[in-house]
Amino acid sequence: MKVAFKPWLIGFFMLTIFLFGETAIAQKKKTDNQCNLPLINKSGTCAANQCQAACVKRHKDGVGKCTTNPDKKMRCICFYLCPR
């Protein structure tokens, strides 16, 4: 028995996957509204664990990172999604 396939059917599936795959990728690349909040420490130092904990305490979806400011002091910055 000869196995026959329909090339137009395969082309249709490939085109569908290509079109819907591209729109899904385009939606993932959409930029979110991201805000940042500097968290000030009196000593001028930044511990990564404390920074992350303080950020999550203020904003549940936040990520705390230690950075240096222009004065060469360490500070904690909390990145979180802005309310719309």
Protein backbone atom coordinates (compact mmCIF):
# COMPACT_ATOMS: atom_id res chain seq x y z
CA MET A 1 0.00 0.00 0.00
CA LYS A 2 1.37 3.39 -0.99
CA VAL A 3 1.59 6.04 1.71
CA ALA A 4 0.42 9.33 0.29
CA PHE A 5 0.54 12.72 1.94
CA LYS A 6 -0.90 16.03 0.95
CA PRO A 7 1.75 18.76 0.59
CA TRP A 8 -0.83 21.55 0.93
CA LEU A 9 -1.85 20.21 4.35
CA ILE A 10 1.76 20.21 5.58
CA GLY A 11 2.21 23.72 4.17
CA PHE A 12 -0.93 24.88 5.95
CA PHE A 13 0.32 23.59 9.31
CA MET A 14 3.76 25.11 8.79
CA LEU A 15 2.25 28.48 7.87
CA THR A 16 -0.07 28.38 10.91
CA ILE A 17 2.79 27.58 13.27
CA PHE A 18 4.96 30.27 11.70
CA LEU A 19 2.30 32.98 11.98
CA PHE A 20 1.15 32.19 15.50
CA GLY A 21 4.70 31.53 16.68
CA GLU A 22 5.80 35.00 15.55
CA THR A 23 2.93 36.76 17.32
CA ALA A 24 3.65 34.87 20.53
CA ILE A 25 7.31 35.90 20.37
CA ALA A 26 6.35 39.51 19.64
CA GLN A 27 4.07 39.59 22.68
CA LYS A 28 6.80 38.23 24.94
CA LYS A 29 9.18 41.02 23.91
CA LYS A 30 6.71 43.68 24.99
CA THR A 31 8.29 45.90 27.62
CA ASP A 32 6.59 46.18 30.99
CA ASN A 33 6.25 49.32 33.01
CA GLN A 34 9.07 48.90 35.46
CA CYS A 35 9.66 51.28 38.34
CA ASN A 36 12.61 51.52 40.67
CA LEU A 37 12.84 52.73 44.22
CA PRO A 38 16.13 53.49 45.99
CA LEU A 39 16.20 52.00 49.48
CA ILE A 40 18.51 54.00 51.73
CA ASN A 41 20.70 52.39 54.36
CA LYS A 42 22.20 54.69 57.00
CA SER A 43 25.60 52.99 56.91
CA GLY A 44 25.97 53.38 53.13
CA THR A 45 26.54 49.68 52.56
CA CYS A 46 24.42 47.13 50.78
CA ALA A 47 23.98 43.46 51.61
CA ALA A 48 22.32 41.52 48.81
CA ASN A 49 20.11 39.42 51.11
CA GLN A 50 18.90 42.41 53.11
CA CYS A 51 18.31 44.41 49.95
CA GLN A 52 16.19 41.64 48.41
CA ALA A 53 14.23 41.18 51.65
CA ALA A 54 13.50 44.90 52.00
CA CYS A 55 12.35 45.10 48.39
CA VAL A 56 10.01 42.11 48.70
CA LYS A 57 8.64 43.57 51.93
CA ARG A 58 7.58 46.75 50.10
CA HIS A 59 6.61 45.24 46.75
CA LYS A 60 5.77 41.54 46.50
CA ASP A 61 6.91 41.33 42.87
CA GLY A 62 10.09 43.35 43.48
CA VAL A 63 13.72 42.43 42.91
CA GLY A 64 16.38 44.16 44.99
CA LYS A 65 19.88 44.77 43.60
CA CYS A 66 22.93 46.46 45.04
CA THR A 67 24.47 49.18 42.84
CA THR A 68 26.91 52.04 43.22
CA ASN A 69 25.84 55.64 42.87
CA PRO A 70 28.05 58.42 41.44
CA ASP A 71 29.48 59.06 44.93
CA LYS A 72 30.93 55.50 44.89
CA LYS A 73 28.64 54.42 47.72
CA MET A 74 26.69 51.18 47.62
CA ARG A 75 22.93 51.45 47.61
CA CYS A 76 19.95 49.16 47.20
CA ILE A 77 17.57 49.65 44.27
CA CYS A 78 14.20 47.90 44.24
CA PHE A 79 12.83 47.13 40.76
CA TYR A 80 9.10 46.36 40.55
CA LEU A 81 6.17 46.59 38.14
CA CYS A 82 4.42 49.97 38.20
CA PRO A 83 0.67 49.96 38.83
CA ARG A 84 -1.26 50.89 35.73
